[in-house]
ModelCIF file with pLDDT and N, C-alpha, C, O atoms, coordinates in Angstrom:
data_MODEL
#
_entry.id   MODEL 
#
_entity.id                         1 
_entity.type                       polymer 
_entity.pdbx_number_of_molecules   1 
#
_entity_poly.entity_id                      1 
_entity_poly.type                           'polypeptide(L)' 
_entity_poly.nstd_linkage                   no 
_entity_poly.nstd_monomer                   no 
_entity_poly.pdbx_seq_one_letter_code       RLGEKVVAMFTIGAAGTPLYRSHPDPYYGQSDPRAIMSAYGTLLGE 
_entity_poly.pdbx_seq_one_letter_code_can   RLGEKVVAMFTIGAAGTPLYRSHPDPYYGQSDPRAIMSAYGTLLGE 
_entity_poly.pdbx_strand_id                 A 
#
loop_
_entity_poly_seq.entity_id 
_entity_poly_seq.num 
_entity_poly_seq.mon_id 
_entity_poly_seq.hetero 
1 1  ARG n 
1 2  LEU n 
1 3  GLY n 
1 4  GLU n 
1 5  LYS n 
1 6  VAL n 
1 7  VAL n 
1 8  ALA n 
1 9  MET n 
1 10 PHE n 
1 11 THR n 
1 12 ILE n 
1 13 GLY n 
1 14 ALA n 
1 15 ALA n 
1 16 GLY n 
1 17 THR n 
1 18 PRO n 
1 19 LEU n 
1 20 TYR n 
1 21 ARG n 
1 22 SER n 
1 23 HIS n 
1 24 PRO n 
1 25 ASP n 
1 26 PRO n 
1 27 TYR n 
1 28 TYR n 
1 29 GLY n 
1 30 GLN n 
1 31 SER n 
1 32 ASP n 
1 33 PRO n 
1 34 ARG n 
1 35 ALA n 
1 36 ILE n 
1 37 MET n 
1 38 SER n 
1 39 ALA n 
1 40 TYR n 
1 41 GLY n 
1 42 THR n 
1 43 LEU n 
1 44 LEU n 
1 45 GLY n 
1 46 GLU n 
#
_struct_asym.id          A 
_struct_asym.entity_id   1 
#
loop_
_ma_qa_metric.id 
_ma_qa_metric.mode 
_ma_qa_metric.name 
_ma_qa_metric.software_group_id 
_ma_qa_metric.type 
1 global pLDDT . pLDDT 
2 local  pLDDT . pLDDT 
#
_ma_qa_metric_global.metric_id      1 
_ma_qa_metric_global.metric_value   94.15 
_ma_qa_metric_global.model_id       1 
_ma_qa_metric_global.ordinal_id     1 
#
loop_
_ma_qa_metric_local.label_asym_id 
_ma_qa_metric_local.label_comp_id 
_ma_qa_metric_local.label_seq_id 
_ma_qa_metric_local.metric_id 
_ma_qa_metric_local.metric_value 
_ma_qa_metric_local.model_id 
_ma_qa_metric_local.ordinal_id 
A ARG 1  2 97.00 1 1  
A LEU 2  2 97.00 1 2  
A GLY 3  2 90.00 1 3  
A GLU 4  2 78.00 1 4  
A LYS 5  2 93.00 1 5  
A VAL 6  2 98.00 1 6  
A VAL 7  2 98.00 1 7  
A ALA 8  2 98.00 1 8  
A MET 9  2 98.00 1 9  
A PHE 10 2 98.00 1 10 
A THR 11 2 98.00 1 11 
A ILE 12 2 98.00 1 12 
A GLY 13 2 98.00 1 13 
A ALA 14 2 98.00 1 14 
A ALA 15 2 97.00 1 15 
A GLY 16 2 97.00 1 16 
A THR 17 2 97.00 1 17 
A PRO 18 2 97.00 1 18 
A LEU 19 2 97.00 1 19 
A TYR 20 2 96.00 1 20 
A ARG 21 2 90.00 1 21 
A SER 22 2 86.00 1 22 
A HIS 23 2 82.00 1 23 
A PRO 24 2 81.00 1 24 
A ASP 25 2 85.00 1 25 
A PRO 26 2 86.00 1 26 
A TYR 27 2 90.00 1 27 
A TYR 28 2 92.00 1 28 
A GLY 29 2 88.00 1 29 
A GLN 30 2 87.00 1 30 
A SER 31 2 91.00 1 31 
A ASP 32 2 93.00 1 32 
A PRO 33 2 95.00 1 33 
A ARG 34 2 96.00 1 34 
A ALA 35 2 96.00 1 35 
A ILE 36 2 97.00 1 36 
A MET 37 2 97.00 1 37 
A SER 38 2 97.00 1 38 
A ALA 39 2 98.00 1 39 
A TYR 40 2 98.00 1 40 
A GLY 41 2 98.00 1 41 
A THR 42 2 98.00 1 42 
A LEU 43 2 98.00 1 43 
A LEU 44 2 98.00 1 44 
A GLY 45 2 98.00 1 45 
A GLU 46 2 98.00 1 46 
#
loop_
_atom_site.group_PDB 
_atom_site.id 
_atom_site.type_symbol 
_atom_site.label_atom_id 
_atom_site.label_alt_id 
_atom_site.label_comp_id 
_atom_site.label_asym_id 
_atom_site.label_entity_id 
_atom_site.label_seq_id 
_atom_site.pdbx_PDB_ins_code 
_atom_site.Cartn_x 
_atom_site.Cartn_y 
_atom_site.Cartn_z 
_atom_site.occupancy 
_atom_site.B_iso_or_equiv 
_atom_site.pdbx_formal_charge 
_atom_site.auth_seq_id 
_atom_site.auth_comp_id 
_atom_site.auth_asym_id 
_atom_site.auth_atom_id 
_atom_site.pdbx_PDB_model_num 
ATOM 1   N N  . ARG A 1 1  ? 62.363 106.681 -81.756 1.00 97.00 ? 1  ARG A N  1 
ATOM 2   C CA . ARG A 1 1  ? 62.683 106.182 -83.114 1.00 97.00 ? 1  ARG A CA 1 
ATOM 3   C C  . ARG A 1 1  ? 61.482 106.597 -84.157 1.00 97.00 ? 1  ARG A C  1 
ATOM 4   O O  . ARG A 1 1  ? 61.753 107.139 -85.228 1.00 97.00 ? 1  ARG A O  1 
ATOM 5   N N  . LEU A 1 2  ? 60.313 106.339 -83.815 1.00 97.00 ? 2  LEU A N  1 
ATOM 6   C CA . LEU A 1 2  ? 59.216 106.484 -84.668 1.00 97.00 ? 2  LEU A CA 1 
ATOM 7   C C  . LEU A 1 2  ? 58.482 107.704 -84.519 1.00 97.00 ? 2  LEU A C  1 
ATOM 8   O O  . LEU A 1 2  ? 57.563 107.935 -85.305 1.00 97.00 ? 2  LEU A O  1 
ATOM 9   N N  . GLY A 1 3  ? 58.760 108.485 -83.642 1.00 90.00 ? 3  GLY A N  1 
ATOM 10  C CA . GLY A 1 3  ? 58.148 109.901 -83.449 1.00 90.00 ? 3  GLY A CA 1 
ATOM 11  C C  . GLY A 1 3  ? 57.377 109.934 -82.191 1.00 90.00 ? 3  GLY A C  1 
ATOM 12  O O  . GLY A 1 3  ? 56.819 108.933 -81.741 1.00 90.00 ? 3  GLY A O  1 
ATOM 13  N N  . GLU A 1 4  ? 57.350 111.174 -81.589 1.00 78.00 ? 4  GLU A N  1 
ATOM 14  C CA . GLU A 1 4  ? 56.769 111.244 -80.328 1.00 78.00 ? 4  GLU A CA 1 
ATOM 15  C C  . GLU A 1 4  ? 55.256 111.106 -80.235 1.00 78.00 ? 4  GLU A C  1 
ATOM 16  O O  . GLU A 1 4  ? 54.693 110.951 -79.151 1.00 78.00 ? 4  GLU A O  1 
ATOM 17  N N  . LYS A 1 5  ? 54.548 111.172 -81.511 1.00 93.00 ? 5  LYS A N  1 
ATOM 18  C CA . LYS A 1 5  ? 53.186 110.944 -81.455 1.00 93.00 ? 5  LYS A CA 1 
ATOM 19  C C  . LYS A 1 5  ? 52.812 109.423 -81.346 1.00 93.00 ? 5  LYS A C  1 
ATOM 20  O O  . LYS A 1 5  ? 51.701 109.051 -80.969 1.00 93.00 ? 5  LYS A O  1 
ATOM 21  N N  . VAL A 1 6  ? 53.750 108.641 -81.677 1.00 98.00 ? 6  VAL A N  1 
ATOM 22  C CA . VAL A 1 6  ? 53.604 107.195 -81.445 1.00 98.00 ? 6  VAL A CA 1 
ATOM 23  C C  . VAL A 1 6  ? 53.596 106.813 -79.979 1.00 98.00 ? 6  VAL A C  1 
ATOM 24  O O  . VAL A 1 6  ? 54.471 107.308 -79.268 1.00 98.00 ? 6  VAL A O  1 
ATOM 25  N N  . VAL A 1 7  ? 52.702 105.984 -79.443 1.00 98.00 ? 7  VAL A N  1 
ATOM 26  C CA . VAL A 1 7  ? 52.650 105.636 -78.060 1.00 98.00 ? 7  VAL A CA 1 
ATOM 27  C C  . VAL A 1 7  ? 52.948 104.161 -77.978 1.00 98.00 ? 7  VAL A C  1 
ATOM 28  O O  . VAL A 1 7  ? 52.271 103.390 -78.659 1.00 98.00 ? 7  VAL A O  1 
ATOM 29  N N  . ALA A 1 8  ? 53.919 103.702 -77.189 1.00 98.00 ? 8  ALA A N  1 
ATOM 30  C CA . ALA A 1 8  ? 54.408 102.377 -77.044 1.00 98.00 ? 8  ALA A CA 1 
ATOM 31  C C  . ALA A 1 8  ? 54.010 101.967 -75.501 1.00 98.00 ? 8  ALA A C  1 
ATOM 32  O O  . ALA A 1 8  ? 54.595 102.467 -74.540 1.00 98.00 ? 8  ALA A O  1 
ATOM 33  N N  . MET A 1 9  ? 53.032 101.076 -75.381 1.00 98.00 ? 9  MET A N  1 
ATOM 34  C CA . MET A 1 9  ? 52.513 100.744 -74.079 1.00 98.00 ? 9  MET A CA 1 
ATOM 35  C C  . MET A 1 9  ? 53.031 99.317  -73.732 1.00 98.00 ? 9  MET A C  1 
ATOM 36  O O  . MET A 1 9  ? 52.853 98.362  -74.488 1.00 98.00 ? 9  MET A O  1 
ATOM 37  N N  . PHE A 1 10 ? 53.675 99.234  -72.553 1.00 98.00 ? 10 PHE A N  1 
ATOM 38  C CA . PHE A 1 10 ? 54.408 98.090  -72.020 1.00 98.00 ? 10 PHE A CA 1 
ATOM 39  C C  . PHE A 1 10 ? 53.434 97.367  -70.991 1.00 98.00 ? 10 PHE A C  1 
ATOM 40  O O  . PHE A 1 10 ? 53.067 98.006  -70.005 1.00 98.00 ? 10 PHE A O  1 
ATOM 41  N N  . THR A 1 11 ? 53.017 96.111  -71.173 1.00 98.00 ? 11 THR A N  1 
ATOM 42  C CA . THR A 1 11 ? 52.340 95.346  -70.164 1.00 98.00 ? 11 THR A CA 1 
ATOM 43  C C  . THR A 1 11 ? 53.227 94.182  -69.762 1.00 98.00 ? 11 THR A C  1 
ATOM 44  O O  . THR A 1 11 ? 54.076 93.664  -70.486 1.00 98.00 ? 11 THR A O  1 
ATOM 45  N N  . ILE A 1 12 ? 52.923 93.834  -68.511 1.00 98.00 ? 12 ILE A N  1 
ATOM 46  C CA . ILE A 1 12 ? 53.731 92.767  -67.945 1.00 98.00 ? 12 ILE A CA 1 
ATOM 47  C C  . ILE A 1 12 ? 53.030 91.434  -67.924 1.00 98.00 ? 12 ILE A C  1 
ATOM 48  O O  . ILE A 1 12 ? 51.886 91.355  -67.476 1.00 98.00 ? 12 ILE A O  1 
ATOM 49  N N  . GLY A 1 13 ? 53.696 90.345  -68.410 1.00 98.00 ? 13 GLY A N  1 
ATOM 50  C CA . GLY A 1 13 ? 53.109 89.081  -68.512 1.00 98.00 ? 13 GLY A CA 1 
ATOM 51  C C  . GLY A 1 13 ? 53.326 88.223  -67.174 1.00 98.00 ? 13 GLY A C  1 
ATOM 52  O O  . GLY A 1 13 ? 53.461 88.786  -66.088 1.00 98.00 ? 13 GLY A O  1 
ATOM 53  N N  . ALA A 1 14 ? 53.350 86.953  -67.301 1.00 98.00 ? 14 ALA A N  1 
ATOM 54  C CA . ALA A 1 14 ? 53.568 85.959  -66.320 1.00 98.00 ? 14 ALA A CA 1 
ATOM 55  C C  . ALA A 1 14 ? 55.138 85.963  -66.005 1.00 98.00 ? 14 ALA A C  1 
ATOM 56  O O  . ALA A 1 14 ? 55.875 85.155  -66.571 1.00 98.00 ? 14 ALA A O  1 
ATOM 57  N N  . ALA A 1 15 ? 55.634 86.912  -65.071 1.00 97.00 ? 15 ALA A N  1 
ATOM 58  C CA . ALA A 1 15 ? 56.965 87.417  -65.217 1.00 97.00 ? 15 ALA A CA 1 
ATOM 59  C C  . ALA A 1 15 ? 58.004 86.585  -64.404 1.00 97.00 ? 15 ALA A C  1 
ATOM 60  O O  . ALA A 1 15 ? 57.873 86.088  -63.285 1.00 97.00 ? 15 ALA A O  1 
ATOM 61  N N  . GLY A 1 16 ? 59.112 86.560  -65.286 1.00 97.00 ? 16 GLY A N  1 
ATOM 62  C CA . GLY A 1 16 ? 60.449 86.094  -64.735 1.00 97.00 ? 16 GLY A CA 1 
ATOM 63  C C  . GLY A 1 16 ? 61.181 87.170  -64.344 1.00 97.00 ? 16 GLY A C  1 
ATOM 64  O O  . GLY A 1 16 ? 60.637 88.207  -63.964 1.00 97.00 ? 16 GLY A O  1 
ATOM 65  N N  . THR A 1 17 ? 62.597 87.001  -64.410 1.00 97.00 ? 17 THR A N  1 
ATOM 66  C CA . THR A 1 17 ? 63.495 87.991  -64.005 1.00 97.00 ? 17 THR A CA 1 
ATOM 67  C C  . THR A 1 17 ? 64.574 88.352  -65.099 1.00 97.00 ? 17 THR A C  1 
ATOM 68  O O  . THR A 1 17 ? 64.908 87.429  -65.842 1.00 97.00 ? 17 THR A O  1 
ATOM 69  N N  . PRO A 1 18 ? 65.131 89.532  -65.276 1.00 97.00 ? 18 PRO A N  1 
ATOM 70  C CA . PRO A 1 18 ? 66.055 89.798  -66.303 1.00 97.00 ? 18 PRO A CA 1 
ATOM 71  C C  . PRO A 1 18 ? 67.218 88.960  -66.140 1.00 97.00 ? 18 PRO A C  1 
ATOM 72  O O  . PRO A 1 18 ? 67.619 88.646  -65.019 1.00 97.00 ? 18 PRO A O  1 
ATOM 73  N N  . LEU A 1 19 ? 67.827 88.549  -67.298 1.00 97.00 ? 19 LEU A N  1 
ATOM 74  C CA . LEU A 1 19 ? 69.066 87.648  -67.242 1.00 97.00 ? 19 LEU A CA 1 
ATOM 75  C C  . LEU A 1 19 ? 70.138 88.446  -66.890 1.00 97.00 ? 19 LEU A C  1 
ATOM 76  O O  . LEU A 1 19 ? 71.089 87.895  -66.336 1.00 97.00 ? 19 LEU A O  1 
ATOM 77  N N  . TYR A 1 20 ? 70.177 89.771  -67.125 1.00 96.00 ? 20 TYR A N  1 
ATOM 78  C CA . TYR A 1 20 ? 71.379 90.646  -66.932 1.00 96.00 ? 20 TYR A CA 1 
ATOM 79  C C  . TYR A 1 20 ? 70.938 91.685  -66.011 1.00 96.00 ? 20 TYR A C  1 
ATOM 80  O O  . TYR A 1 20 ? 70.065 92.495  -66.322 1.00 96.00 ? 20 TYR A O  1 
ATOM 81  N N  . ARG A 1 21 ? 71.561 91.674  -64.820 1.00 90.00 ? 21 ARG A N  1 
ATOM 82  C CA . ARG A 1 21 ? 71.238 92.643  -63.708 1.00 90.00 ? 21 ARG A CA 1 
ATOM 83  C C  . ARG A 1 21 ? 72.656 93.021  -63.131 1.00 90.00 ? 21 ARG A C  1 
ATOM 84  O O  . ARG A 1 21 ? 73.644 92.296  -63.253 1.00 90.00 ? 21 ARG A O  1 
ATOM 85  N N  . SER A 1 22 ? 72.643 94.196  -62.511 1.00 86.00 ? 22 SER A N  1 
ATOM 86  C CA . SER A 1 22 ? 73.855 94.698  -61.874 1.00 86.00 ? 22 SER A CA 1 
ATOM 87  C C  . SER A 1 22 ? 73.998 94.180  -60.484 1.00 86.00 ? 22 SER A C  1 
ATOM 88  O O  . SER A 1 22 ? 73.250 94.526  -59.570 1.00 86.00 ? 22 SER A O  1 
ATOM 89  N N  . HIS A 1 23 ? 74.983 93.340  -60.353 1.00 82.00 ? 23 HIS A N  1 
ATOM 90  C CA . HIS A 1 23 ? 75.198 92.635  -58.942 1.00 82.00 ? 23 HIS A CA 1 
ATOM 91  C C  . HIS A 1 23 ? 76.763 93.066  -58.545 1.00 82.00 ? 23 HIS A C  1 
ATOM 92  O O  . HIS A 1 23 ? 77.686 92.844  -59.329 1.00 82.00 ? 23 HIS A O  1 
ATOM 93  N N  . PRO A 1 24 ? 76.938 93.614  -57.431 1.00 81.00 ? 24 PRO A N  1 
ATOM 94  C CA . PRO A 1 24 ? 78.186 93.750  -56.934 1.00 81.00 ? 24 PRO A CA 1 
ATOM 95  C C  . PRO A 1 24 ? 79.040 92.521  -56.643 1.00 81.00 ? 24 PRO A C  1 
ATOM 96  O O  . PRO A 1 24 ? 78.574 91.628  -55.936 1.00 81.00 ? 24 PRO A O  1 
ATOM 97  N N  . ASP A 1 25 ? 80.256 92.435  -57.149 1.00 85.00 ? 25 ASP A N  1 
ATOM 98  C CA . ASP A 1 25 ? 80.991 91.272  -56.957 1.00 85.00 ? 25 ASP A CA 1 
ATOM 99  C C  . ASP A 1 25 ? 82.516 91.597  -56.716 1.00 85.00 ? 25 ASP A C  1 
ATOM 100 O O  . ASP A 1 25 ? 83.046 92.380  -57.505 1.00 85.00 ? 25 ASP A O  1 
ATOM 101 N N  . PRO A 1 26 ? 83.192 91.112  -55.787 1.00 86.00 ? 26 PRO A N  1 
ATOM 102 C CA . PRO A 1 26 ? 84.518 91.452  -55.468 1.00 86.00 ? 26 PRO A CA 1 
ATOM 103 C C  . PRO A 1 26 ? 85.526 91.180  -56.643 1.00 86.00 ? 26 PRO A C  1 
ATOM 104 O O  . PRO A 1 26 ? 86.580 91.815  -56.681 1.00 86.00 ? 26 PRO A O  1 
ATOM 105 N N  . TYR A 1 27 ? 85.233 90.287  -57.559 1.00 90.00 ? 27 TYR A N  1 
ATOM 106 C CA . TYR A 1 27 ? 86.136 89.847  -58.476 1.00 90.00 ? 27 TYR A CA 1 
ATOM 107 C C  . TYR A 1 27 ? 85.682 90.557  -59.906 1.00 90.00 ? 27 TYR A C  1 
ATOM 108 O O  . TYR A 1 27 ? 86.482 91.161  -60.620 1.00 90.00 ? 27 TYR A O  1 
ATOM 109 N N  . TYR A 1 28 ? 84.504 90.420  -60.163 1.00 92.00 ? 28 TYR A N  1 
ATOM 110 C CA . TYR A 1 28 ? 83.859 90.935  -61.564 1.00 92.00 ? 28 TYR A CA 1 
ATOM 111 C C  . TYR A 1 28 ? 83.448 92.317  -61.463 1.00 92.00 ? 28 TYR A C  1 
ATOM 112 O O  . TYR A 1 28 ? 83.181 92.900  -62.514 1.00 92.00 ? 28 TYR A O  1 
ATOM 113 N N  . GLY A 1 29 ? 83.348 92.991  -60.259 1.00 88.00 ? 29 GLY A N  1 
ATOM 114 C CA . GLY A 1 29 ? 82.865 94.273  -60.262 1.00 88.00 ? 29 GLY A CA 1 
ATOM 115 C C  . GLY A 1 29 ? 81.418 94.352  -60.428 1.00 88.00 ? 29 GLY A C  1 
ATOM 116 O O  . GLY A 1 29 ? 80.701 93.351  -60.406 1.00 88.00 ? 29 GLY A O  1 
ATOM 117 N N  . GLN A 1 30 ? 80.953 95.636  -60.609 1.00 87.00 ? 30 GLN A N  1 
ATOM 118 C CA . GLN A 1 30 ? 79.475 95.823  -60.761 1.00 87.00 ? 30 GLN A CA 1 
ATOM 119 C C  . GLN A 1 30 ? 79.296 96.613  -61.967 1.00 87.00 ? 30 GLN A C  1 
ATOM 120 O O  . GLN A 1 30 ? 79.935 97.647  -62.162 1.00 87.00 ? 30 GLN A O  1 
ATOM 121 N N  . SER A 1 31 ? 78.394 96.124  -62.825 1.00 91.00 ? 31 SER A N  1 
ATOM 122 C CA . SER A 1 31 ? 78.073 96.858  -64.086 1.00 91.00 ? 31 SER A CA 1 
ATOM 123 C C  . SER A 1 31 ? 77.086 97.961  -63.750 1.00 91.00 ? 31 SER A C  1 
ATOM 124 O O  . SER A 1 31 ? 76.449 98.036  -62.700 1.00 91.00 ? 31 SER A O  1 
ATOM 125 N N  . ASP A 1 32 ? 77.035 98.873  -64.852 1.00 93.00 ? 32 ASP A N  1 
ATOM 126 C CA . ASP A 1 32 ? 76.142 100.115 -64.695 1.00 93.00 ? 32 ASP A CA 1 
ATOM 127 C C  . ASP A 1 32 ? 74.650 99.657  -65.033 1.00 93.00 ? 32 ASP A C  1 
ATOM 128 O O  . ASP A 1 32 ? 74.337 99.239  -66.148 1.00 93.00 ? 32 ASP A O  1 
ATOM 129 N N  . PRO A 1 33 ? 73.776 99.771  -63.985 1.00 95.00 ? 33 PRO A N  1 
ATOM 130 C CA . PRO A 1 33 ? 72.478 99.416  -64.389 1.00 95.00 ? 33 PRO A CA 1 
ATOM 131 C C  . PRO A 1 33 ? 71.758 100.327 -65.401 1.00 95.00 ? 33 PRO A C  1 
ATOM 132 O O  . PRO A 1 33 ? 70.777 99.916  -66.020 1.00 95.00 ? 33 PRO A O  1 
ATOM 133 N N  . ARG A 1 34 ? 72.252 101.565 -65.562 1.00 96.00 ? 34 ARG A N  1 
ATOM 134 C CA . ARG A 1 34 ? 71.774 102.381 -66.550 1.00 96.00 ? 34 ARG A CA 1 
ATOM 135 C C  . ARG A 1 34 ? 72.095 101.870 -67.979 1.00 96.00 ? 34 ARG A C  1 
ATOM 136 O O  . ARG A 1 34 ? 71.299 102.003 -68.908 1.00 96.00 ? 34 ARG A O  1 
ATOM 137 N N  . ALA A 1 35 ? 73.202 101.330 -68.090 1.00 96.00 ? 35 ALA A N  1 
ATOM 138 C CA . ALA A 1 35 ? 73.755 100.811 -69.362 1.00 96.00 ? 35 ALA A CA 1 
ATOM 139 C C  . ALA A 1 35 ? 72.929 99.554  -69.712 1.00 96.00 ? 35 ALA A C  1 
ATOM 140 O O  . ALA A 1 35 ? 72.608 99.295  -70.872 1.00 96.00 ? 35 ALA A O  1 
ATOM 141 N N  . ILE A 1 36 ? 72.627 98.845  -68.729 1.00 97.00 ? 36 ILE A N  1 
ATOM 142 C CA . ILE A 1 36 ? 71.803 97.492  -68.914 1.00 97.00 ? 36 ILE A CA 1 
ATOM 143 C C  . ILE A 1 36 ? 70.460 97.910  -69.287 1.00 97.00 ? 36 ILE A C  1 
ATOM 144 O O  . ILE A 1 36 ? 69.907 97.341  -70.229 1.00 97.00 ? 36 ILE A O  1 
ATOM 145 N N  . MET A 1 37 ? 69.856 98.878  -68.627 1.00 97.00 ? 37 MET A N  1 
ATOM 146 C CA . MET A 1 37 ? 68.528 99.379  -68.955 1.00 97.00 ? 37 MET A CA 1 
ATOM 147 C C  . MET A 1 37 ? 68.548 99.774  -70.360 1.00 97.00 ? 37 MET A C  1 
ATOM 148 O O  . MET A 1 37 ? 67.696 99.287  -71.104 1.00 97.00 ? 37 MET A O  1 
ATOM 149 N N  . SER A 1 38 ? 69.370 100.556 -70.797 1.00 97.00 ? 38 SER A N  1 
ATOM 150 C CA . SER A 1 38 ? 69.398 101.128 -72.141 1.00 97.00 ? 38 SER A CA 1 
ATOM 151 C C  . SER A 1 38 ? 69.504 100.021 -73.222 1.00 97.00 ? 38 SER A C  1 
ATOM 152 O O  . SER A 1 38 ? 68.858 100.077 -74.268 1.00 97.00 ? 38 SER A O  1 
ATOM 153 N N  . ALA A 1 39 ? 70.391 98.966  -72.900 1.00 98.00 ? 39 ALA A N  1 
ATOM 154 C CA . ALA A 1 39 ? 70.599 97.863  -73.799 1.00 98.00 ? 39 ALA A CA 1 
ATOM 155 C C  . ALA A 1 39 ? 69.204 97.118  -73.899 1.00 98.00 ? 39 ALA A C  1 
ATOM 156 O O  . ALA A 1 39 ? 68.832 96.800  -75.028 1.00 98.00 ? 39 ALA A O  1 
ATOM 157 N N  . TYR A 1 40 ? 68.460 96.835  -72.890 1.00 98.00 ? 40 TYR A N  1 
ATOM 158 C CA . TYR A 1 40 ? 67.227 96.235  -72.808 1.00 98.00 ? 40 TYR A CA 1 
ATOM 159 C C  . TYR A 1 40 ? 66.210 96.973  -73.691 1.00 98.00 ? 40 TYR A C  1 
ATOM 160 O O  . TYR A 1 40 ? 65.457 96.409  -74.485 1.00 98.00 ? 40 TYR A O  1 
ATOM 161 N N  . GLY A 1 41 ? 66.270 98.311  -73.466 1.00 98.00 ? 41 GLY A N  1 
ATOM 162 C CA . GLY A 1 41 ? 65.357 99.279  -74.240 1.00 98.00 ? 41 GLY A CA 1 
ATOM 163 C C  . GLY A 1 41 ? 65.469 99.074  -75.669 1.00 98.00 ? 41 GLY A C  1 
ATOM 164 O O  . GLY A 1 41 ? 64.489 98.905  -76.394 1.00 98.00 ? 41 GLY A O  1 
ATOM 165 N N  . THR A 1 42 ? 66.815 99.092  -76.118 1.00 98.00 ? 42 THR A N  1 
ATOM 166 C CA . THR A 1 42 ? 67.179 99.051  -77.535 1.00 98.00 ? 42 THR A CA 1 
ATOM 167 C C  . THR A 1 42 ? 66.841 97.713  -78.085 1.00 98.00 ? 42 THR A C  1 
ATOM 168 O O  . THR A 1 42 ? 66.246 97.700  -79.162 1.00 98.00 ? 42 THR A O  1 
ATOM 169 N N  . LEU A 1 43 ? 67.148 96.511  -77.471 1.00 98.00 ? 43 LEU A N  1 
ATOM 170 C CA . LEU A 1 43 ? 66.980 95.264  -78.048 1.00 98.00 ? 43 LEU A CA 1 
ATOM 171 C C  . LEU A 1 43 ? 65.477 94.921  -78.131 1.00 98.00 ? 43 LEU A C  1 
ATOM 172 O O  . LEU A 1 43 ? 64.979 94.447  -79.152 1.00 98.00 ? 43 LEU A O  1 
ATOM 173 N N  . LEU A 1 44 ? 64.755 95.194  -76.964 1.00 98.00 ? 44 LEU A N  1 
ATOM 174 C CA . LEU A 1 44 ? 63.304 94.834  -77.012 1.00 98.00 ? 44 LEU A CA 1 
ATOM 175 C C  . LEU A 1 44 ? 62.519 95.757  -77.894 1.00 98.00 ? 44 LEU A C  1 
ATOM 176 O O  . LEU A 1 44 ? 61.571 95.365  -78.573 1.00 98.00 ? 44 LEU A O  1 
ATOM 177 N N  . GLY A 1 45 ? 62.963 97.051  -77.860 1.00 98.00 ? 45 GLY A N  1 
ATOM 178 C CA . GLY A 1 45 ? 62.329 98.089  -78.785 1.00 98.00 ? 45 GLY A CA 1 
ATOM 179 C C  . GLY A 1 45 ? 62.471 97.605  -80.216 1.00 98.00 ? 45 GLY A C  1 
ATOM 180 O O  . GLY A 1 45 ? 61.499 97.597  -80.970 1.00 98.00 ? 45 GLY A O  1 
ATOM 181 N N  . GLU A 1 46 ? 63.668 97.205  -80.593 1.00 98.00 ? 46 GLU A N  1 
ATOM 182 C CA . GLU A 1 46 ? 63.833 96.751  -82.024 1.00 98.00 ? 46 GLU A CA 1 
ATOM 183 C C  . GLU A 1 46 ? 63.140 95.475  -82.397 1.00 98.00 ? 46 GLU A C  1 
ATOM 184 O O  . GLU A 1 46 ? 63.226 95.038  -83.545 1.00 98.00 ? 46 GLU A O  1 
#
């Protein structure tokens, strides 16, 4: 979004787990982990 010369460095804190993950379920099905990853990237990036 800001240009390829910008560098965004991600560091890990005292970590928990993502609220939204792809879990297989016989009733709810399984979400696409790539879509969830993209959503996290957009929301946290913004």
